[in-house]
């Protein structure tokens, strides 16, 4: 499984209004943590967009957000374009600012 597969699972579940369960989110988080997992800005934006329907599982979403933060921190290639920023903010609108992630 690569980052495109993971981002598509999260993105498309959100588009269809399907909420992933805790086990599924944990598996996706573990896949993202792999050292050989490479992310691109499209995958990151799609994953963040997918957060919009997963807001009732904040502890699992925080794990994914933490992994994303660690993977892209300091990577200038990960600068999102306007659509990527918009999709990301749309997905994050239900998250609170209470966590460091």
PDB file of N, CA and C in Angstrom:
ATOM      1  N   UNK A   1       0.849  -1.166   0.000  1.00  0.00           N
ATOM      2  CA  UNK A   1       0.000   0.000   0.000  1.00  0.00           C
ATOM      3  C   UNK A   1       0.899   1.235   0.000  1.00  0.00           C
ATOM      4  N   UNK A   2       0.602   2.183  -0.874  1.00  0.00           N
ATOM      5  CA  UNK A   2       1.406   3.408  -0.925  1.00  0.00           C
ATOM      6  C   UNK A   2       0.551   4.609  -0.505  1.00  0.00           C
ATOM      7  N   UNK A   3       1.155   5.783  -0.524  1.00  0.00           N
ATOM      8  CA  UNK A   3       0.453   6.983  -0.039  1.00  0.00           C
ATOM      9  C   UNK A   3      -0.750   7.335  -0.907  1.00  0.00           C
ATOM     10  N   UNK A   4      -0.688   7.013  -2.182  1.00  0.00           N
ATOM     11  CA  UNK A   4      -1.840   7.273  -3.065  1.00  0.00           C
ATOM     12  C   UNK A   4      -3.023   6.415  -2.646  1.00  0.00           C
ATOM     13  N   UNK A   5      -2.775   5.148  -2.346  1.00  0.00           N
ATOM     14  CA  UNK A   5      -3.847   4.265  -1.884  1.00  0.00           C
ATOM     15  C   UNK A   5      -4.460   4.772  -0.586  1.00  0.00           C
ATOM     16  N   UNK A   6      -3.609   5.142   0.351  1.00  0.00           N
ATOM     17  CA  UNK A   6      -4.084   5.622   1.652  1.00  0.00           C
ATOM     18  C   UNK A   6      -4.884   6.912   1.495  1.00  0.00           C
ATOM     19  N   UNK A   7      -4.348   7.844   0.723  1.00  0.00           N
ATOM     20  CA  UNK A   7      -5.062   9.115   0.549  1.00  0.00           C
ATOM     21  C   UNK A   7      -6.395   8.899  -0.164  1.00  0.00           C
ATOM     22  N   UNK A   8      -6.439   7.987  -1.123  1.00  0.00           N
ATOM     23  CA  UNK A   8      -7.693   7.707  -1.817  1.00  0.00           C
ATOM     24  C   UNK A   8      -8.727   7.065  -0.902  1.00  0.00           C
ATOM     25  N   UNK A   9      -8.290   6.174  -0.021  1.00  0.00           N
ATOM     26  CA  UNK A   9      -9.217   5.557   0.931  1.00  0.00           C
ATOM     27  C   UNK A   9      -9.847   6.625   1.821  1.00  0.00           C
ATOM     28  N   UNK A  10      -9.023   7.490   2.387  1.00  0.00           N
ATOM     29  CA  UNK A  10      -9.533   8.525   3.298  1.00  0.00           C
ATOM     30  C   UNK A  10     -10.365   9.553   2.536  1.00  0.00           C
ATOM     31  N   UNK A  11      -9.876   9.995   1.393  1.00  0.00           N
ATOM     32  CA  UNK A  11     -10.569  11.004   0.592  1.00  0.00           C
ATOM     33  C   UNK A  11     -11.923  10.493   0.089  1.00  0.00           C
ATOM     34  N   UNK A  12     -11.918   9.300  -0.516  1.00  0.00           N
ATOM     35  CA  UNK A  12     -13.159   8.781  -1.096  1.00  0.00           C
ATOM     36  C   UNK A  12     -14.176   8.390  -0.034  1.00  0.00           C
ATOM     37  N   UNK A  13     -13.704   7.927   1.117  1.00  0.00           N
ATOM     38  CA  UNK A  13     -14.658   7.640   2.193  1.00  0.00           C
ATOM     39  C   UNK A  13     -15.348   8.928   2.626  1.00  0.00           C
ATOM     40  N   UNK A  14     -14.602  10.015   2.664  1.00  0.00           N
ATOM     41  CA  UNK A  14     -15.173  11.302   3.021  1.00  0.00           C
ATOM     42  C   UNK A  14     -16.173  11.775   1.969  1.00  0.00           C
ATOM     43  N   UNK A  15     -15.802  11.645   0.704  1.00  0.00           N
ATOM     44  CA  UNK A  15     -16.693  12.068  -0.380  1.00  0.00           C
ATOM     45  C   UNK A  15     -18.020  11.305  -0.355  1.00  0.00           C
ATOM     46  N   UNK A  16     -17.955  10.027   0.052  1.00  0.00           N
ATOM     47  CA  UNK A  16     -19.159   9.189   0.106  1.00  0.00           C
ATOM     48  C   UNK A  16     -19.863   9.268   1.456  1.00  0.00           C
ATOM     49  N   UNK A  17     -19.284  10.012   2.401  1.00  0.00           N
ATOM     50  CA  UNK A  17     -19.885  10.146   3.728  1.00  0.00           C
ATOM     51  C   UNK A  17     -19.705   8.923   4.606  1.00  0.00           C
ATOM     52  N   UNK A  18     -18.725   8.099   4.275  1.00  0.00           N
ATOM     53  CA  UNK A  18     -18.450   6.882   5.036  1.00  0.00           C
ATOM     54  C   UNK A  18     -17.423   7.187   6.125  1.00  0.00           C
ATOM     55  N   UNK A  19     -17.746   6.786   7.336  1.00  0.00           N
ATOM     56  CA  UNK A  19     -16.815   6.994   8.441  1.00  0.00           C
ATOM     57  C   UNK A  19     -16.004   5.720   8.646  1.00  0.00           C
ATOM     58  N   UNK A  20     -14.707   5.870   8.613  1.00  0.00           N
ATOM     59  CA  UNK A  20     -13.822   4.741   8.871  1.00  0.00           C
ATOM     60  C   UNK A  20     -13.833   4.430  10.361  1.00  0.00           C
ATOM     61  N   UNK A  21     -13.739   3.153  10.696  1.00  0.00           N
ATOM     62  CA  UNK A  21     -13.748   2.805  12.115  1.00  0.00           C
ATOM     63  C   UNK A  21     -12.345   2.951  12.705  1.00  0.00           C
ATOM     64  N   UNK A  22     -12.261   2.823  14.009  1.00  0.00           N
ATOM     65  CA  UNK A  22     -10.994   3.034  14.719  1.00  0.00           C
ATOM     66  C   UNK A  22      -9.913   2.069  14.234  1.00  0.00           C
ATOM     67  N   UNK A  23     -10.285   0.835  13.980  1.00  0.00           N
ATOM     68  CA  UNK A  23      -9.314  -0.157  13.512  1.00  0.00           C
ATOM     69  C   UNK A  23      -8.758   0.230  12.141  1.00  0.00           C
ATOM     70  N   UNK A  24      -9.627   0.644  11.246  1.00  0.00           N
ATOM     71  CA  UNK A  24      -9.189   1.052   9.908  1.00  0.00           C
ATOM     72  C   UNK A  24      -8.256   2.256   9.971  1.00  0.00           C
ATOM     73  N   UNK A  25      -8.614   3.243  10.784  1.00  0.00           N
ATOM     74  CA  UNK A  25      -7.772   4.435  10.927  1.00  0.00           C
ATOM     75  C   UNK A  25      -6.416   4.099  11.539  1.00  0.00           C
ATOM     76  N   UNK A  26      -6.399   3.178  12.489  1.00  0.00           N
ATOM     77  CA  UNK A  26      -5.132   2.759  13.093  1.00  0.00           C
ATOM     78  C   UNK A  26      -4.249   2.067  12.060  1.00  0.00           C
ATOM     79  N   UNK A  27      -4.836   1.209  11.239  1.00  0.00           N
ATOM     80  CA  UNK A  27      -4.062   0.533  10.189  1.00  0.00           C
ATOM     81  C   UNK A  27      -3.487   1.528   9.188  1.00  0.00           C
ATOM     82  N   UNK A  28      -4.294   2.511   8.804  1.00  0.00           N
ATOM     83  CA  UNK A  28      -3.805   3.524   7.858  1.00  0.00           C
ATOM     84  C   UNK A  28      -2.683   4.345   8.476  1.00  0.00           C
ATOM     85  N   UNK A  29      -2.831   4.674   9.742  1.00  0.00           N
ATOM     86  CA  UNK A  29      -1.794   5.431  10.447  1.00  0.00           C
ATOM     87  C   UNK A  29      -0.480   4.653  10.490  1.00  0.00           C
ATOM     88  N   UNK A  30      -0.570   3.368  10.774  1.00  0.00           N
ATOM     89  CA  UNK A  30       0.633   2.530  10.827  1.00  0.00           C
ATOM     90  C   UNK A  30       1.297   2.439   9.455  1.00  0.00           C
ATOM     91  N   UNK A  31       0.506   2.371   8.406  1.00  0.00           N
ATOM     92  CA  UNK A  31       1.069   2.341   7.059  1.00  0.00           C
ATOM     93  C   UNK A  31       1.796   3.646   6.743  1.00  0.00           C
ATOM     94  N   UNK A  32       1.200   4.760   7.139  1.00  0.00           N
ATOM     95  CA  UNK A  32       1.827   6.061   6.896  1.00  0.00           C
ATOM     96  C   UNK A  32       3.142   6.210   7.655  1.00  0.00           C
ATOM     97  N   UNK A  33       3.278   5.552   8.796  1.00  0.00           N
ATOM     98  CA  UNK A  33       4.479   5.666   9.623  1.00  0.00           C
ATOM     99  C   UNK A  33       5.679   4.930   9.039  1.00  0.00           C
ATOM    100  N   UNK A  34       5.448   4.044   8.098  1.00  0.00           N
ATOM    101  CA  UNK A  34       6.566   3.284   7.536  1.00  0.00           C
ATOM    102  C   UNK A  34       7.625   4.228   6.979  1.00  0.00           C
ATOM    103  N   UNK A  35       8.885   3.883   7.200  1.00  0.00           N
ATOM    104  CA  UNK A  35       9.998   4.729   6.750  1.00  0.00           C
ATOM    105  C   UNK A  35      10.037   4.866   5.234  1.00  0.00           C
ATOM    106  N   UNK A  36       9.599   3.837   4.519  1.00  0.00           N
ATOM    107  CA  UNK A  36       9.639   3.876   3.059  1.00  0.00           C
ATOM    108  C   UNK A  36       8.416   4.557   2.444  1.00  0.00           C
ATOM    109  N   UNK A  37       7.501   5.020   3.297  1.00  0.00           N
ATOM    110  CA  UNK A  37       6.290   5.680   2.797  1.00  0.00           C
ATOM    111  C   UNK A  37       6.631   7.103   2.368  1.00  0.00           C
ATOM    112  N   UNK A  38       6.487   7.377   1.101  1.00  0.00           N
ATOM    113  CA  UNK A  38       6.747   8.707   0.549  1.00  0.00           C
ATOM    114  C   UNK A  38       5.411   9.398   0.305  1.00  0.00           C
ATOM    115  N   UNK A  39       5.338  10.633   0.730  1.00  0.00           N
ATOM    116  CA  UNK A  39       4.127  11.432   0.534  1.00  0.00           C
ATOM    117  C   UNK A  39       4.379  12.505  -0.509  1.00  0.00           C
ATOM    118  N   UNK A  40       3.322  12.866  -1.207  1.00  0.00           N
ATOM    119  CA  UNK A  40       3.404  14.026  -2.087  1.00  0.00           C
ATOM    120  C   UNK A  40       2.304  14.991  -1.680  1.00  0.00           C
ATOM    121  N   UNK A  41       2.340  16.197  -2.221  1.00  0.00           N
ATOM    122  CA  UNK A  41       1.403  17.219  -1.750  1.00  0.00           C
ATOM    123  C   UNK A  41      -0.046  16.891  -2.093  1.00  0.00           C
ATOM    124  N   UNK A  42      -0.277  16.155  -3.151  1.00  0.00           N
ATOM    125  CA  UNK A  42      -1.649  15.773  -3.491  1.00  0.00           C
ATOM    126  C   UNK A  42      -2.180  14.784  -2.460  1.00  0.00           C
ATOM    127  N   UNK A  43      -1.364  13.816  -2.081  1.00  0.00           N
ATOM    128  CA  UNK A  43      -1.776  12.844  -1.070  1.00  0.00           C
ATOM    129  C   UNK A  43      -2.061  13.523   0.267  1.00  0.00           C
ATOM    130  N   UNK A  44      -1.210  14.447   0.651  1.00  0.00           N
ATOM    131  CA  UNK A  44      -1.399  15.165   1.916  1.00  0.00           C
ATOM    132  C   UNK A  44      -2.717  15.942   1.896  1.00  0.00           C
ATOM    133  N   UNK A  45      -2.977  16.668   0.822  1.00  0.00           N
ATOM    134  CA  UNK A  45      -4.215  17.452   0.723  1.00  0.00           C
ATOM    135  C   UNK A  45      -5.445  16.547   0.740  1.00  0.00           C
ATOM    136  N   UNK A  46      -5.368  15.402   0.060  1.00  0.00           N
ATOM    137  CA  UNK A  46      -6.508  14.481   0.041  1.00  0.00           C
ATOM    138  C   UNK A  46      -6.755  13.856   1.405  1.00  0.00           C
ATOM    139  N   UNK A  47      -5.685  13.528   2.121  1.00  0.00           N
ATOM    140  CA  UNK A  47      -5.844  12.973   3.464  1.00  0.00           C
ATOM    141  C   UNK A  47      -6.487  14.014   4.381  1.00  0.00           C
ATOM    142  N   UNK A  48      -5.999  15.239   4.327  1.00  0.00           N
ATOM    143  CA  UNK A  48      -6.564  16.294   5.176  1.00  0.00           C
ATOM    144  C   UNK A  48      -8.013  16.597   4.812  1.00  0.00           C
ATOM    145  N   UNK A  49      -8.343  16.565   3.532  1.00  0.00           N
ATOM    146  CA  UNK A  49      -9.735  16.754   3.099  1.00  0.00           C
ATOM    147  C   UNK A  49     -10.611  15.667   3.721  1.00  0.00           C
ATOM    148  N   UNK A  50     -10.097  14.462   3.769  1.00  0.00           N
ATOM    149  CA  UNK A  50     -10.853  13.342   4.313  1.00  0.00           C
ATOM    150  C   UNK A  50     -11.157  13.446   5.786  1.00  0.00           C
ATOM    151  N   UNK A  51     -10.468  14.319   6.494  1.00  0.00           N
ATOM    152  CA  UNK A  51     -10.714  14.507   7.919  1.00  0.00           C
ATOM    153  C   UNK A  51     -12.126  15.026   8.190  1.00  0.00           C
ATOM    154  N   UNK A  52     -12.761  15.629   7.216  1.00  0.00           N
ATOM    155  CA  UNK A  52     -14.044  16.284   7.463  1.00  0.00           C
ATOM    156  C   UNK A  52     -15.132  15.334   7.958  1.00  0.00           C
ATOM    157  N   UNK A  53     -15.095  14.074   7.560  1.00  0.00           N
ATOM    158  CA  UNK A  53     -16.117  13.129   8.029  1.00  0.00           C
ATOM    159  C   UNK A  53     -15.624  12.234   9.147  1.00  0.00           C
ATOM    160  N   UNK A  54     -14.395  12.409   9.562  1.00  0.00           N
ATOM    161  CA  UNK A  54     -13.825  11.540  10.586  1.00  0.00           C
ATOM    162  C   UNK A  54     -13.673  12.262  11.920  1.00  0.00           C
ATOM    163  N   UNK A  55     -14.303  13.400  12.073  1.00  0.00           N
ATOM    164  CA  UNK A  55     -14.074  14.249  13.241  1.00  0.00           C
ATOM    165  C   UNK A  55     -14.542  13.633  14.556  1.00  0.00           C
ATOM    166  N   UNK A  56     -15.366  12.570  14.510  1.00  0.00           N
ATOM    167  CA  UNK A  56     -15.820  11.962  15.757  1.00  0.00           C
ATOM    168  C   UNK A  56     -14.823  10.945  16.308  1.00  0.00           C
ATOM    169  N   UNK A  57     -13.690  10.805  15.646  1.00  0.00           N
ATOM    170  CA  UNK A  57     -12.622   9.923  16.115  1.00  0.00           C
ATOM    171  C   UNK A  57     -11.329  10.725  16.261  1.00  0.00           C
ATOM    172  N   UNK A  58     -11.351  11.769  17.085  1.00  0.00           N
ATOM    173  CA  UNK A  58     -10.216  12.693  17.129  1.00  0.00           C
ATOM    174  C   UNK A  58      -8.893  12.060  17.521  1.00  0.00           C
ATOM    175  N   UNK A  59      -8.906  11.073  18.418  1.00  0.00           N
ATOM    176  CA  UNK A  59      -7.635  10.475  18.836  1.00  0.00           C
ATOM    177  C   UNK A  59      -6.959   9.742  17.685  1.00  0.00           C
ATOM    178  N   UNK A  60      -7.733   9.118  16.816  1.00  0.00           N
ATOM    179  CA  UNK A  60      -7.164   8.410  15.668  1.00  0.00           C
ATOM    180  C   UNK A  60      -6.743   9.383  14.569  1.00  0.00           C
ATOM    181  N   UNK A  61      -7.503  10.443  14.410  1.00  0.00           N
ATOM    182  CA  UNK A  61      -7.155  11.443  13.409  1.00  0.00           C
ATOM    183  C   UNK A  61      -5.895  12.202  13.840  1.00  0.00           C
ATOM    184  N   UNK A  62      -5.732  12.411  15.138  1.00  0.00           N
ATOM    185  CA  UNK A  62      -4.527  13.080  15.638  1.00  0.00           C
ATOM    186  C   UNK A  62      -3.280  12.259  15.335  1.00  0.00           C
ATOM    187  N   UNK A  63      -3.408  10.923  15.419  1.00  0.00           N
ATOM    188  CA  UNK A  63      -2.269  10.061  15.094  1.00  0.00           C
ATOM    189  C   UNK A  63      -1.861  10.253  13.631  1.00  0.00           C
ATOM    190  N   UNK A  64      -2.834  10.279  12.754  1.00  0.00           N
ATOM    191  CA  UNK A  64      -2.540  10.466  11.333  1.00  0.00           C
ATOM    192  C   UNK A  64      -1.960  11.853  11.103  1.00  0.00           C
ATOM    193  N   UNK A  65      -2.531  12.850  11.739  1.00  0.00           N
ATOM    194  CA  UNK A  65      -2.038  14.222  11.590  1.00  0.00           C
ATOM    195  C   UNK A  65      -0.607  14.352  12.111  1.00  0.00           C
ATOM    196  N   UNK A  66      -0.305  13.672  13.208  1.00  0.00           N
ATOM    197  CA  UNK A  66       1.048  13.705  13.757  1.00  0.00           C
ATOM    198  C   UNK A  66       2.043  13.075  12.782  1.00  0.00           C
ATOM    199  N   UNK A  67       1.666  11.962  12.183  1.00  0.00           N
ATOM    200  CA  UNK A  67       2.538  11.303  11.199  1.00  0.00           C
ATOM    201  C   UNK A  67       2.759  12.218   9.998  1.00  0.00           C
ATOM    202  N   UNK A  68       1.683  12.840   9.509  1.00  0.00           N
ATOM    203  CA  UNK A  68       1.816  13.763   8.379  1.00  0.00           C
ATOM    204  C   UNK A  68       2.748  14.914   8.721  1.00  0.00           C
ATOM    205  N   UNK A  69       2.577  15.470   9.920  1.00  0.00           N
ATOM    206  CA  UNK A  69       3.399  16.592  10.362  1.00  0.00           C
ATOM    207  C   UNK A  69       4.872  16.194  10.394  1.00  0.00           C
ATOM    208  N   UNK A  70       5.159  15.028  10.933  1.00  0.00           N
ATOM    209  CA  UNK A  70       6.542  14.559  11.014  1.00  0.00           C
ATOM    210  C   UNK A  70       7.132  14.314   9.627  1.00  0.00           C
ATOM    211  N   UNK A  71       6.327  13.765   8.730  1.00  0.00           N
ATOM    212  CA  UNK A  71       6.830  13.428   7.396  1.00  0.00           C
ATOM    213  C   UNK A  71       7.102  14.664   6.538  1.00  0.00           C
ATOM    214  N   UNK A  72       6.265  15.695   6.672  1.00  0.00           N
ATOM    215  CA  UNK A  72       6.406  16.837   5.767  1.00  0.00           C
ATOM    216  C   UNK A  72       7.114  18.035   6.388  1.00  0.00           C
ATOM    217  N   UNK A  73       7.390  17.980   7.671  1.00  0.00           N
ATOM    218  CA  UNK A  73       8.031  19.105   8.350  1.00  0.00           C
ATOM    219  C   UNK A  73       9.373  19.436   7.698  1.00  0.00           C
ATOM    220  N   UNK A  74       9.507  20.667   7.279  1.00  0.00           N
ATOM    221  CA  UNK A  74      10.750  21.144   6.690  1.00  0.00           C
ATOM    222  C   UNK A  74      10.948  20.762   5.235  1.00  0.00           C
ATOM    223  N   UNK A  75       9.947  20.126   4.624  1.00  0.00           N
ATOM    224  CA  UNK A  75      10.069  19.710   3.228  1.00  0.00           C
ATOM    225  C   UNK A  75       9.458  20.789   2.335  1.00  0.00           C
ATOM    226  N   UNK A  76      10.295  21.588   1.698  1.00  0.00           N
ATOM    227  CA  UNK A  76       9.794  22.690   0.874  1.00  0.00           C
ATOM    228  C   UNK A  76       9.030  22.193  -0.349  1.00  0.00           C
ATOM    229  N   UNK A  77       9.221  20.950  -0.738  1.00  0.00           N
ATOM    230  CA  UNK A  77       8.478  20.378  -1.857  1.00  0.00           C
ATOM    231  C   UNK A  77       7.007  20.229  -1.511  1.00  0.00           C
ATOM    232  N   UNK A  78       6.694  20.177  -0.220  1.00  0.00           N
ATOM    233  CA  UNK A  78       5.329  19.954   0.229  1.00  0.00           C
ATOM    234  C   UNK A  78       4.482  21.220   0.281  1.00  0.00           C
ATOM    235  N   UNK A  79       4.964  22.312  -0.234  1.00  0.00           N
ATOM    236  CA  UNK A  79       4.150  23.520  -0.260  1.00  0.00           C
ATOM    237  C   UNK A  79       2.932  23.276  -1.136  1.00  0.00           C
ATOM    238  N   UNK A  80       1.763  23.444  -0.547  1.00  0.00           N
ATOM    239  CA  UNK A  80       0.519  23.175  -1.254  1.00  0.00           C
ATOM    240  C   UNK A  80       0.137  24.352  -2.137  1.00  0.00           C
ATOM    241  N   UNK A  81      -0.519  24.050  -3.243  1.00  0.00           N
ATOM    242  CA  UNK A  81      -1.052  25.114  -4.086  1.00  0.00           C
ATOM    243  C   UNK A  81      -2.384  25.580  -3.488  1.00  0.00           C
ATOM    244  N   UNK A  82      -3.031  26.512  -4.139  1.00  0.00           N
ATOM    245  CA  UNK A  82      -4.277  27.078  -3.619  1.00  0.00           C
ATOM    246  C   UNK A  82      -5.354  26.042  -3.386  1.00  0.00           C
ATOM    247  N   UNK A  83      -5.524  25.130  -4.338  1.00  0.00           N
ATOM    248  CA  UNK A  83      -6.548  24.096  -4.177  1.00  0.00           C
ATOM    249  C   UNK A  83      -6.195  23.157  -3.034  1.00  0.00           C
ATOM    250  N   UNK A  84      -4.920  22.818  -2.902  1.00  0.00           N
ATOM    251  CA  UNK A  84      -4.485  21.949  -1.808  1.00  0.00           C
ATOM    252  C   UNK A  84      -4.731  22.580  -0.452  1.00  0.00           C
ATOM    253  N   UNK A  85      -4.456  23.874  -0.345  1.00  0.00           N
ATOM    254  CA  UNK A  85      -4.716  24.588   0.910  1.00  0.00           C
ATOM    255  C   UNK A  85      -6.215  24.613   1.196  1.00  0.00           C
ATOM    256  N   UNK A  86      -7.002  24.906   0.183  1.00  0.00           N
ATOM    257  CA  UNK A  86      -8.459  24.943   0.355  1.00  0.00           C
ATOM    258  C   UNK A  86      -9.019  23.596   0.780  1.00  0.00           C
ATOM    259  N   UNK A  87      -8.589  22.522   0.111  1.00  0.00           N
ATOM    260  CA  UNK A  87      -9.055  21.183   0.464  1.00  0.00           C
ATOM    261  C   UNK A  87      -8.642  20.820   1.888  1.00  0.00           C
ATOM    262  N   UNK A  88      -7.422  21.170   2.256  1.00  0.00           N
ATOM    263  CA  UNK A  88      -6.925  20.862   3.594  1.00  0.00           C
ATOM    264  C   UNK A  88      -7.719  21.601   4.662  1.00  0.00           C
ATOM    265  N   UNK A  89      -7.946  22.880   4.458  1.00  0.00           N
ATOM    266  CA  UNK A  89      -8.709  23.668   5.431  1.00  0.00           C
ATOM    267  C   UNK A  89     -10.152  23.188   5.521  1.00  0.00           C
ATOM    268  N   UNK A  90     -10.727  22.806   4.396  1.00  0.00           N
ATOM    269  CA  UNK A  90     -12.097  22.278   4.388  1.00  0.00           C
ATOM    270  C   UNK A  90     -12.169  21.013   5.244  1.00  0.00           C
ATOM    271  N   UNK A  91     -11.187  20.149   5.092  1.00  0.00           N
ATOM    272  CA  UNK A  91     -11.175  18.917   5.859  1.00  0.00           C
ATOM    273  C   UNK A  91     -10.904  19.120   7.332  1.00  0.00           C
ATOM    274  N   UNK A  92     -10.124  20.141   7.661  1.00  0.00           N
ATOM    275  CA  UNK A  92      -9.746  20.392   9.052  1.00  0.00           C
ATOM    276  C   UNK A  92     -10.743  21.266   9.808  1.00  0.00           C
ATOM    277  N   UNK A  93     -11.805  21.713   9.161  1.00  0.00           N
ATOM    278  CA  UNK A  93     -12.709  22.663   9.796  1.00  0.00           C
ATOM    279  C   UNK A  93     -13.385  22.138  11.058  1.00  0.00           C
ATOM    280  N   UNK A  94     -13.529  20.834  11.198  1.00  0.00           N
ATOM    281  CA  UNK A  94     -14.170  20.286  12.391  1.00  0.00           C
ATOM    282  C   UNK A  94     -13.179  19.924  13.495  1.00  0.00           C
ATOM    283  N   UNK A  95     -11.901  20.094  13.219  1.00  0.00           N
ATOM    284  CA  UNK A  95     -10.893  19.796  14.234  1.00  0.00           C
ATOM    285  C   UNK A  95     -10.743  21.015  15.141  1.00  0.00           C
ATOM    286  N   UNK A  96     -10.394  20.761  16.379  1.00  0.00           N
ATOM    287  CA  UNK A  96     -10.190  21.871  17.302  1.00  0.00           C
ATOM    288  C   UNK A  96      -8.708  22.213  17.340  1.00  0.00           C
ATOM    289  N   UNK A  97      -8.375  23.339  17.893  1.00  0.00           N
ATOM    290  CA  UNK A  97      -6.995  23.761  18.018  1.00  0.00           C
ATOM    291  C   UNK A  97      -6.388  23.369  19.351  1.00  0.00           C
ATOM    292  N   UNK A  98      -6.993  22.401  20.016  1.00  0.00           N
ATOM    293  CA  UNK A  98      -6.564  22.010  21.356  1.00  0.00           C
ATOM    294  C   UNK A  98      -5.300  21.145  21.366  1.00  0.00           C
ATOM    295  N   UNK A  99      -4.971  20.532  20.251  1.00  0.00           N
ATOM    296  CA  UNK A  99      -3.802  19.644  20.239  1.00  0.00           C
ATOM    297  C   UNK A  99      -2.651  20.281  19.492  1.00  0.00           C
ATOM    298  N   UNK A 100      -1.443  19.826  19.795  1.00  0.00           N
ATOM    299  CA  UNK A 100      -0.264  20.369  19.131  1.00  0.00           C
ATOM    300  C   UNK A 100      -0.205  19.968  17.659  1.00  0.00           C
ATOM    301  N   UNK A 101      -0.802  18.841  17.310  1.00  0.00           N
ATOM    302  CA  UNK A 101      -0.796  18.404  15.922  1.00  0.00           C
ATOM    303  C   UNK A 101      -1.514  19.420  15.048  1.00  0.00           C
TER     304      UNK A 101
END
